[in-house]
């Protein structure tokens, strides 16, 4: 039972990370910004942004980052989360 629960949590985490990644990439493309420009606006490294957008190290993503991206893109942090639970 614990293994199954652990597997389901990991699966949900991957799905939510992918969702946030897709929104981040979409918003950056809409602004016609490079990863370097987003890096300059946020103070986060280009490598970190690349990792987030490609789900390479999504465990580093946290609420601070979502809030920062919302500030830079002038939107609500809620836009980075799905309307319904995944």
PDB file of N, CA and C in Angstrom:
ATOM      1  N   UNK A   1       0.817  -1.192   0.000  1.00  0.00           N
ATOM      2  CA  UNK A   1       0.000   0.000   0.000  1.00  0.00           C
ATOM      3  C   UNK A   1       0.866   1.263   0.000  1.00  0.00           C
ATOM      4  N   UNK A   2       1.909   1.283   0.825  1.00  0.00           N
ATOM      5  CA  UNK A   2       2.788   2.450   0.898  1.00  0.00           C
ATOM      6  C   UNK A   2       3.492   2.686  -0.432  1.00  0.00           C
ATOM      7  N   UNK A   3       3.907   1.601  -1.089  1.00  0.00           N
ATOM      8  CA  UNK A   3       4.561   1.726  -2.394  1.00  0.00           C
ATOM      9  C   UNK A   3       3.614   2.367  -3.400  1.00  0.00           C
ATOM     10  N   UNK A   4       2.376   1.902  -3.429  1.00  0.00           N
ATOM     11  CA  UNK A   4       1.387   2.435  -4.364  1.00  0.00           C
ATOM     12  C   UNK A   4       1.154   3.920  -4.104  1.00  0.00           C
ATOM     13  N   UNK A   5       1.015   4.306  -2.840  1.00  0.00           N
ATOM     14  CA  UNK A   5       0.797   5.703  -2.479  1.00  0.00           C
ATOM     15  C   UNK A   5       1.993   6.554  -2.894  1.00  0.00           C
ATOM     16  N   UNK A   6       3.196   6.056  -2.651  1.00  0.00           N
ATOM     17  CA  UNK A   6       4.408   6.763  -3.039  1.00  0.00           C
ATOM     18  C   UNK A   6       4.459   6.953  -4.552  1.00  0.00           C
ATOM     19  N   UNK A   7       4.105   5.913  -5.290  1.00  0.00           N
ATOM     20  CA  UNK A   7       4.084   5.972  -6.752  1.00  0.00           C
ATOM     21  C   UNK A   7       3.081   7.018  -7.230  1.00  0.00           C
ATOM     22  N   UNK A   8       1.895   7.038  -6.640  1.00  0.00           N
ATOM     23  CA  UNK A   8       0.854   7.995  -7.029  1.00  0.00           C
ATOM     24  C   UNK A   8       1.279   9.433  -6.726  1.00  0.00           C
ATOM     25  N   UNK A   9       1.922   9.652  -5.604  1.00  0.00           N
ATOM     26  CA  UNK A   9       2.392  10.995  -5.244  1.00  0.00           C
ATOM     27  C   UNK A   9       3.442  11.460  -6.241  1.00  0.00           C
ATOM     28  N   UNK A  10       4.372  10.588  -6.595  1.00  0.00           N
ATOM     29  CA  UNK A  10       5.406  10.942  -7.575  1.00  0.00           C
ATOM     30  C   UNK A  10       4.783  11.260  -8.927  1.00  0.00           C
ATOM     31  N   UNK A  11       3.785  10.488  -9.315  1.00  0.00           N
ATOM     32  CA  UNK A  11       3.102  10.713 -10.590  1.00  0.00           C
ATOM     33  C   UNK A  11       2.398  12.073 -10.574  1.00  0.00           C
ATOM     34  N   UNK A  12       1.714  12.392  -9.486  1.00  0.00           N
ATOM     35  CA  UNK A  12       1.020  13.675  -9.369  1.00  0.00           C
ATOM     36  C   UNK A  12       2.018  14.829  -9.395  1.00  0.00           C
ATOM     37  N   UNK A  13       3.157  14.645  -8.717  1.00  0.00           N
ATOM     38  CA  UNK A  13       4.182  15.688  -8.691  1.00  0.00           C
ATOM     39  C   UNK A  13       4.705  15.944 -10.092  1.00  0.00           C
ATOM     40  N   UNK A  14       4.950  14.883 -10.857  1.00  0.00           N
ATOM     41  CA  UNK A  14       5.416  15.056 -12.234  1.00  0.00           C
ATOM     42  C   UNK A  14       4.395  15.822 -13.061  1.00  0.00           C
ATOM     43  N   UNK A  15       3.128  15.501 -12.881  1.00  0.00           N
ATOM     44  CA  UNK A  15       2.072  16.162 -13.656  1.00  0.00           C
ATOM     45  C   UNK A  15       1.956  17.641 -13.297  1.00  0.00           C
ATOM     46  N   UNK A  16       2.037  17.972 -12.029  1.00  0.00           N
ATOM     47  CA  UNK A  16       1.928  19.376 -11.623  1.00  0.00           C
ATOM     48  C   UNK A  16       3.168  20.145 -12.064  1.00  0.00           C
ATOM     49  N   UNK A  17       4.346  19.523 -11.968  1.00  0.00           N
ATOM     50  CA  UNK A  17       5.575  20.169 -12.429  1.00  0.00           C
ATOM     51  C   UNK A  17       5.502  20.450 -13.927  1.00  0.00           C
ATOM     52  N   UNK A  18       4.985  19.506 -14.681  1.00  0.00           N
ATOM     53  CA  UNK A  18       4.840  19.669 -16.135  1.00  0.00           C
ATOM     54  C   UNK A  18       3.863  20.800 -16.433  1.00  0.00           C
ATOM     55  N   UNK A  19       2.793  20.874 -15.684  1.00  0.00           N
ATOM     56  CA  UNK A  19       1.803  21.936 -15.883  1.00  0.00           C
ATOM     57  C   UNK A  19       2.460  23.306 -15.679  1.00  0.00           C
ATOM     58  N   UNK A  20       3.158  23.476 -14.559  1.00  0.00           N
ATOM     59  CA  UNK A  20       3.818  24.752 -14.261  1.00  0.00           C
ATOM     60  C   UNK A  20       4.856  25.068 -15.332  1.00  0.00           C
ATOM     61  N   UNK A  21       5.615  24.068 -15.726  1.00  0.00           N
ATOM     62  CA  UNK A  21       6.627  24.231 -16.765  1.00  0.00           C
ATOM     63  C   UNK A  21       6.012  24.727 -18.068  1.00  0.00           C
ATOM     64  N   UNK A  22       4.902  24.124 -18.458  1.00  0.00           N
ATOM     65  CA  UNK A  22       4.226  24.517 -19.698  1.00  0.00           C
ATOM     66  C   UNK A  22       3.710  25.953 -19.632  1.00  0.00           C
ATOM     67  N   UNK A  23       3.156  26.340 -18.489  1.00  0.00           N
ATOM     68  CA  UNK A  23       2.655  27.712 -18.331  1.00  0.00           C
ATOM     69  C   UNK A  23       3.817  28.701 -18.394  1.00  0.00           C
ATOM     70  N   UNK A  24       4.899  28.381 -17.719  1.00  0.00           N
ATOM     71  CA  UNK A  24       6.073  29.254 -17.717  1.00  0.00           C
ATOM     72  C   UNK A  24       6.588  29.466 -19.139  1.00  0.00           C
ATOM     73  N   UNK A  25       6.743  28.375 -19.865  1.00  0.00           N
ATOM     74  CA  UNK A  25       7.244  28.448 -21.237  1.00  0.00           C
ATOM     75  C   UNK A  25       6.288  29.252 -22.127  1.00  0.00           C
ATOM     76  N   UNK A  26       5.000  28.998 -21.972  1.00  0.00           N
ATOM     77  CA  UNK A  26       3.983  29.697 -22.775  1.00  0.00           C
ATOM     78  C   UNK A  26       4.034  31.204 -22.522  1.00  0.00           C
ATOM     79  N   UNK A  27       4.113  31.581 -21.265  1.00  0.00           N
ATOM     80  CA  UNK A  27       4.145  33.005 -20.928  1.00  0.00           C
ATOM     81  C   UNK A  27       5.424  33.659 -21.450  1.00  0.00           C
ATOM     82  N   UNK A  28       6.533  32.952 -21.367  1.00  0.00           N
ATOM     83  CA  UNK A  28       7.797  33.497 -21.874  1.00  0.00           C
ATOM     84  C   UNK A  28       7.724  33.677 -23.388  1.00  0.00           C
ATOM     85  N   UNK A  29       7.173  32.701 -24.089  1.00  0.00           N
ATOM     86  CA  UNK A  29       7.012  32.807 -25.549  1.00  0.00           C
ATOM     87  C   UNK A  29       6.084  33.955 -25.923  1.00  0.00           C
ATOM     88  N   UNK A  30       4.992  34.118 -25.171  1.00  0.00           N
ATOM     89  CA  UNK A  30       4.050  35.211 -25.450  1.00  0.00           C
ATOM     90  C   UNK A  30       4.731  36.575 -25.352  1.00  0.00           C
ATOM     91  N   UNK A  31       5.670  36.694 -24.424  1.00  0.00           N
ATOM     92  CA  UNK A  31       6.400  37.951 -24.254  1.00  0.00           C
ATOM     93  C   UNK A  31       7.559  38.063 -25.253  1.00  0.00           C
ATOM     94  N   UNK A  32       7.819  36.966 -25.966  1.00  0.00           N
ATOM     95  CA  UNK A  32       8.939  36.900 -26.919  1.00  0.00           C
ATOM     96  C   UNK A  32      10.280  37.131 -26.211  1.00  0.00           C
ATOM     97  N   UNK A  33      10.376  36.553 -25.011  1.00  0.00           N
ATOM     98  CA  UNK A  33      11.596  36.657 -24.229  1.00  0.00           C
ATOM     99  C   UNK A  33      12.414  35.388 -24.388  1.00  0.00           C
ATOM    100  N   UNK A  34      13.712  35.555 -24.361  1.00  0.00           N
ATOM    101  CA  UNK A  34      14.606  34.398 -24.300  1.00  0.00           C
ATOM    102  C   UNK A  34      14.698  33.953 -22.839  1.00  0.00           C
ATOM    103  N   UNK A  35      15.274  32.792 -22.637  1.00  0.00           N
ATOM    104  CA  UNK A  35      15.501  32.356 -21.253  1.00  0.00           C
ATOM    105  C   UNK A  35      16.442  33.331 -20.553  1.00  0.00           C
ATOM    106  N   UNK A  36      17.393  33.886 -21.298  1.00  0.00           N
ATOM    107  CA  UNK A  36      18.322  34.852 -20.710  1.00  0.00           C
ATOM    108  C   UNK A  36      17.589  36.110 -20.252  1.00  0.00           C
ATOM    109  N   UNK A  37      16.637  36.579 -21.057  1.00  0.00           N
ATOM    110  CA  UNK A  37      15.869  37.762 -20.654  1.00  0.00           C
ATOM    111  C   UNK A  37      15.053  37.477 -19.393  1.00  0.00           C
ATOM    112  N   UNK A  38      14.408  36.319 -19.341  1.00  0.00           N
ATOM    113  CA  UNK A  38      13.650  35.960 -18.139  1.00  0.00           C
ATOM    114  C   UNK A  38      14.587  35.866 -16.943  1.00  0.00           C
ATOM    115  N   UNK A  39      15.770  35.347 -17.171  1.00  0.00           N
ATOM    116  CA  UNK A  39      16.780  35.275 -16.122  1.00  0.00           C
ATOM    117  C   UNK A  39      17.125  36.677 -15.612  1.00  0.00           C
ATOM    118  N   UNK A  40      17.325  37.598 -16.539  1.00  0.00           N
ATOM    119  CA  UNK A  40      17.657  38.977 -16.157  1.00  0.00           C
ATOM    120  C   UNK A  40      16.531  39.627 -15.357  1.00  0.00           C
ATOM    121  N   UNK A  41      15.283  39.370 -15.745  1.00  0.00           N
ATOM    122  CA  UNK A  41      14.134  39.983 -15.075  1.00  0.00           C
ATOM    123  C   UNK A  41      13.865  39.377 -13.697  1.00  0.00           C
ATOM    124  N   UNK A  42      14.219  38.111 -13.512  1.00  0.00           N
ATOM    125  CA  UNK A  42      13.916  37.435 -12.247  1.00  0.00           C
ATOM    126  C   UNK A  42      15.097  37.350 -11.295  1.00  0.00           C
ATOM    127  N   UNK A  43      16.303  37.441 -11.838  1.00  0.00           N
ATOM    128  CA  UNK A  43      17.487  37.234 -11.011  1.00  0.00           C
ATOM    129  C   UNK A  43      17.829  35.764 -10.837  1.00  0.00           C
ATOM    130  N   UNK A  44      17.071  34.894 -11.493  1.00  0.00           N
ATOM    131  CA  UNK A  44      17.357  33.455 -11.468  1.00  0.00           C
ATOM    132  C   UNK A  44      18.298  33.137 -12.623  1.00  0.00           C
ATOM    133  N   UNK A  45      19.098  32.121 -12.478  1.00  0.00           N
ATOM    134  CA  UNK A  45      20.037  31.796 -13.553  1.00  0.00           C
ATOM    135  C   UNK A  45      19.308  31.234 -14.770  1.00  0.00           C
ATOM    136  N   UNK A  46      19.917  31.433 -15.930  1.00  0.00           N
ATOM    137  CA  UNK A  46      19.359  30.890 -17.172  1.00  0.00           C
ATOM    138  C   UNK A  46      19.290  29.368 -17.086  1.00  0.00           C
ATOM    139  N   UNK A  47      20.303  28.760 -16.499  1.00  0.00           N
ATOM    140  CA  UNK A  47      20.327  27.302 -16.338  1.00  0.00           C
ATOM    141  C   UNK A  47      19.173  26.796 -15.486  1.00  0.00           C
ATOM    142  N   UNK A  48      18.867  27.538 -14.431  1.00  0.00           N
ATOM    143  CA  UNK A  48      17.753  27.157 -13.562  1.00  0.00           C
ATOM    144  C   UNK A  48      16.435  27.242 -14.323  1.00  0.00           C
ATOM    145  N   UNK A  49      16.246  28.311 -15.074  1.00  0.00           N
ATOM    146  CA  UNK A  49      15.023  28.472 -15.867  1.00  0.00           C
ATOM    147  C   UNK A  49      14.918  27.352 -16.892  1.00  0.00           C
ATOM    148  N   UNK A  50      16.035  27.018 -17.516  1.00  0.00           N
ATOM    149  CA  UNK A  50      16.043  25.909 -18.474  1.00  0.00           C
ATOM    150  C   UNK A  50      15.633  24.607 -17.798  1.00  0.00           C
ATOM    151  N   UNK A  51      16.160  24.354 -16.618  1.00  0.00           N
ATOM    152  CA  UNK A  51      15.799  23.134 -15.879  1.00  0.00           C
ATOM    153  C   UNK A  51      14.310  23.113 -15.542  1.00  0.00           C
ATOM    154  N   UNK A  52      13.765  24.250 -15.128  1.00  0.00           N
ATOM    155  CA  UNK A  52      12.335  24.311 -14.806  1.00  0.00           C
ATOM    156  C   UNK A  52      11.488  24.060 -16.044  1.00  0.00           C
ATOM    157  N   UNK A  53      11.851  24.703 -17.146  1.00  0.00           N
ATOM    158  CA  UNK A  53      11.064  24.560 -18.368  1.00  0.00           C
ATOM    159  C   UNK A  53      11.136  23.156 -18.956  1.00  0.00           C
ATOM    160  N   UNK A  54      12.204  22.454 -18.671  1.00  0.00           N
ATOM    161  CA  UNK A  54      12.373  21.108 -19.220  1.00  0.00           C
ATOM    162  C   UNK A  54      12.199  20.017 -18.170  1.00  0.00           C
ATOM    163  N   UNK A  55      11.662  20.392 -17.014  1.00  0.00           N
ATOM    164  CA  UNK A  55      11.387  19.454 -15.908  1.00  0.00           C
ATOM    165  C   UNK A  55      12.607  18.618 -15.532  1.00  0.00           C
ATOM    166  N   UNK A  56      13.790  19.206 -15.628  1.00  0.00           N
ATOM    167  CA  UNK A  56      15.002  18.462 -15.278  1.00  0.00           C
ATOM    168  C   UNK A  56      15.208  18.399 -13.771  1.00  0.00           C
ATOM    169  N   UNK A  57      14.899  19.494 -13.071  1.00  0.00           N
ATOM    170  CA  UNK A  57      15.038  19.517 -11.612  1.00  0.00           C
ATOM    171  C   UNK A  57      13.827  20.219 -11.007  1.00  0.00           C
ATOM    172  N   UNK A  58      12.642  19.689 -11.278  1.00  0.00           N
ATOM    173  CA  UNK A  58      11.433  20.376 -10.806  1.00  0.00           C
ATOM    174  C   UNK A  58      11.314  20.435  -9.288  1.00  0.00           C
ATOM    175  N   UNK A  59      12.069  19.570  -8.579  1.00  0.00           N
ATOM    176  CA  UNK A  59      11.974  19.581  -7.120  1.00  0.00           C
ATOM    177  C   UNK A  59      12.465  20.908  -6.546  1.00  0.00           C
ATOM    178  N   UNK A  60      13.164  21.685  -7.333  1.00  0.00           N
ATOM    179  CA  UNK A  60      13.645  22.984  -6.872  1.00  0.00           C
ATOM    180  C   UNK A  60      12.580  24.072  -6.979  1.00  0.00           C
ATOM    181  N   UNK A  61      11.552  23.827  -7.761  1.00  0.00           N
ATOM    182  CA  UNK A  61      10.480  24.806  -7.928  1.00  0.00           C
ATOM    183  C   UNK A  61       9.699  24.939  -6.624  1.00  0.00           C
ATOM    184  N   UNK A  62       9.453  26.180  -6.211  1.00  0.00           N
ATOM    185  CA  UNK A  62       8.661  26.374  -5.000  1.00  0.00           C
ATOM    186  C   UNK A  62       7.726  27.575  -5.162  1.00  0.00           C
ATOM    187  N   UNK A  63       6.974  27.857  -4.139  1.00  0.00           N
ATOM    188  CA  UNK A  63       5.976  28.921  -4.176  1.00  0.00           C
ATOM    189  C   UNK A  63       6.637  30.284  -4.417  1.00  0.00           C
ATOM    190  N   UNK A  64       7.823  30.487  -3.900  1.00  0.00           N
ATOM    191  CA  UNK A  64       8.545  31.741  -4.144  1.00  0.00           C
ATOM    192  C   UNK A  64       8.724  31.966  -5.643  1.00  0.00           C
ATOM    193  N   UNK A  65       9.126  30.913  -6.356  1.00  0.00           N
ATOM    194  CA  UNK A  65       9.344  31.042  -7.802  1.00  0.00           C
ATOM    195  C   UNK A  65       8.042  31.352  -8.532  1.00  0.00           C
ATOM    196  N   UNK A  66       6.978  30.663  -8.158  1.00  0.00           N
ATOM    197  CA  UNK A  66       5.682  30.912  -8.803  1.00  0.00           C
ATOM    198  C   UNK A  66       5.265  32.366  -8.578  1.00  0.00           C
ATOM    199  N   UNK A  67       5.446  32.860  -7.371  1.00  0.00           N
ATOM    200  CA  UNK A  67       5.117  34.254  -7.071  1.00  0.00           C
ATOM    201  C   UNK A  67       5.999  35.214  -7.873  1.00  0.00           C
ATOM    202  N   UNK A  68       7.275  34.912  -7.977  1.00  0.00           N
ATOM    203  CA  UNK A  68       8.208  35.739  -8.739  1.00  0.00           C
ATOM    204  C   UNK A  68       7.825  35.782 -10.217  1.00  0.00           C
ATOM    205  N   UNK A  69       7.501  34.634 -10.785  1.00  0.00           N
ATOM    206  CA  UNK A  69       7.091  34.594 -12.191  1.00  0.00           C
ATOM    207  C   UNK A  69       5.793  35.380 -12.396  1.00  0.00           C
ATOM    208  N   UNK A  70       4.873  35.261 -11.469  1.00  0.00           N
ATOM    209  CA  UNK A  70       3.618  36.010 -11.569  1.00  0.00           C
ATOM    210  C   UNK A  70       3.891  37.515 -11.544  1.00  0.00           C
ATOM    211  N   UNK A  71       4.821  37.926 -10.710  1.00  0.00           N
ATOM    212  CA  UNK A  71       5.182  39.347 -10.636  1.00  0.00           C
ATOM    213  C   UNK A  71       5.790  39.821 -11.957  1.00  0.00           C
ATOM    214  N   UNK A  72       6.710  39.056 -12.495  1.00  0.00           N
ATOM    215  CA  UNK A  72       7.392  39.427 -13.735  1.00  0.00           C
ATOM    216  C   UNK A  72       6.429  39.442 -14.924  1.00  0.00           C
ATOM    217  N   UNK A  73       5.512  38.472 -14.961  1.00  0.00           N
ATOM    218  CA  UNK A  73       4.562  38.394 -16.073  1.00  0.00           C
ATOM    219  C   UNK A  73       3.287  39.202 -15.808  1.00  0.00           C
ATOM    220  N   UNK A  74       3.235  39.878 -14.659  1.00  0.00           N
ATOM    221  CA  UNK A  74       2.093  40.711 -14.274  1.00  0.00           C
ATOM    222  C   UNK A  74       0.778  39.927 -14.359  1.00  0.00           C
ATOM    223  N   UNK A  75       0.764  38.815 -13.651  1.00  0.00           N
ATOM    224  CA  UNK A  75      -0.434  37.974 -13.619  1.00  0.00           C
ATOM    225  C   UNK A  75      -0.602  37.412 -12.205  1.00  0.00           C
ATOM    226  N   UNK A  76      -1.639  36.674 -12.001  1.00  0.00           N
ATOM    227  CA  UNK A  76      -1.872  36.035 -10.710  1.00  0.00           C
ATOM    228  C   UNK A  76      -1.032  34.760 -10.604  1.00  0.00           C
ATOM    229  N   UNK A  77      -0.511  34.459  -9.416  1.00  0.00           N
ATOM    230  CA  UNK A  77       0.191  33.187  -9.236  1.00  0.00           C
ATOM    231  C   UNK A  77      -0.710  31.994  -9.560  1.00  0.00           C
ATOM    232  N   UNK A  78      -2.013  32.184  -9.440  1.00  0.00           N
ATOM    233  CA  UNK A  78      -2.960  31.101  -9.731  1.00  0.00           C
ATOM    234  C   UNK A  78      -2.874  30.633 -11.179  1.00  0.00           C
ATOM    235  N   UNK A  79      -2.420  31.505 -12.072  1.00  0.00           N
ATOM    236  CA  UNK A  79      -2.312  31.119 -13.478  1.00  0.00           C
ATOM    237  C   UNK A  79      -1.289  30.006 -13.697  1.00  0.00           C
ATOM    238  N   UNK A  80      -0.412  29.812 -12.726  1.00  0.00           N
ATOM    239  CA  UNK A  80       0.604  28.770 -12.846  1.00  0.00           C
ATOM    240  C   UNK A  80       0.137  27.426 -12.296  1.00  0.00           C
ATOM    241  N   UNK A  81      -1.088  27.400 -11.795  1.00  0.00           N
ATOM    242  CA  UNK A  81      -1.634  26.165 -11.225  1.00  0.00           C
ATOM    243  C   UNK A  81      -2.913  25.774 -11.951  1.00  0.00           C
ATOM    244  N   UNK A  82      -3.173  24.480 -12.053  1.00  0.00           N
ATOM    245  CA  UNK A  82      -4.401  24.050 -12.728  1.00  0.00           C
ATOM    246  C   UNK A  82      -5.637  24.474 -11.933  1.00  0.00           C
ATOM    247  N   UNK A  83      -6.716  24.652 -12.646  1.00  0.00           N
ATOM    248  CA  UNK A  83      -7.962  25.058 -12.004  1.00  0.00           C
ATOM    249  C   UNK A  83      -8.470  23.981 -11.053  1.00  0.00           C
ATOM    250  N   UNK A  84      -8.305  22.739 -11.449  1.00  0.00           N
ATOM    251  CA  UNK A  84      -8.746  21.595 -10.633  1.00  0.00           C
ATOM    252  C   UNK A  84      -7.521  20.756 -10.266  1.00  0.00           C
ATOM    253  N   UNK A  85      -7.579  20.029  -9.171  1.00  0.00           N
ATOM    254  CA  UNK A  85      -6.460  19.159  -8.797  1.00  0.00           C
ATOM    255  C   UNK A  85      -6.151  18.141  -9.895  1.00  0.00           C
ATOM    256  N   UNK A  86      -4.906  17.837 -10.014  1.00  0.00           N
ATOM    257  CA  UNK A  86      -4.468  16.844 -11.004  1.00  0.00           C
ATOM    258  C   UNK A  86      -4.508  15.468 -10.371  1.00  0.00           C
TER     259      UNK A  86
END
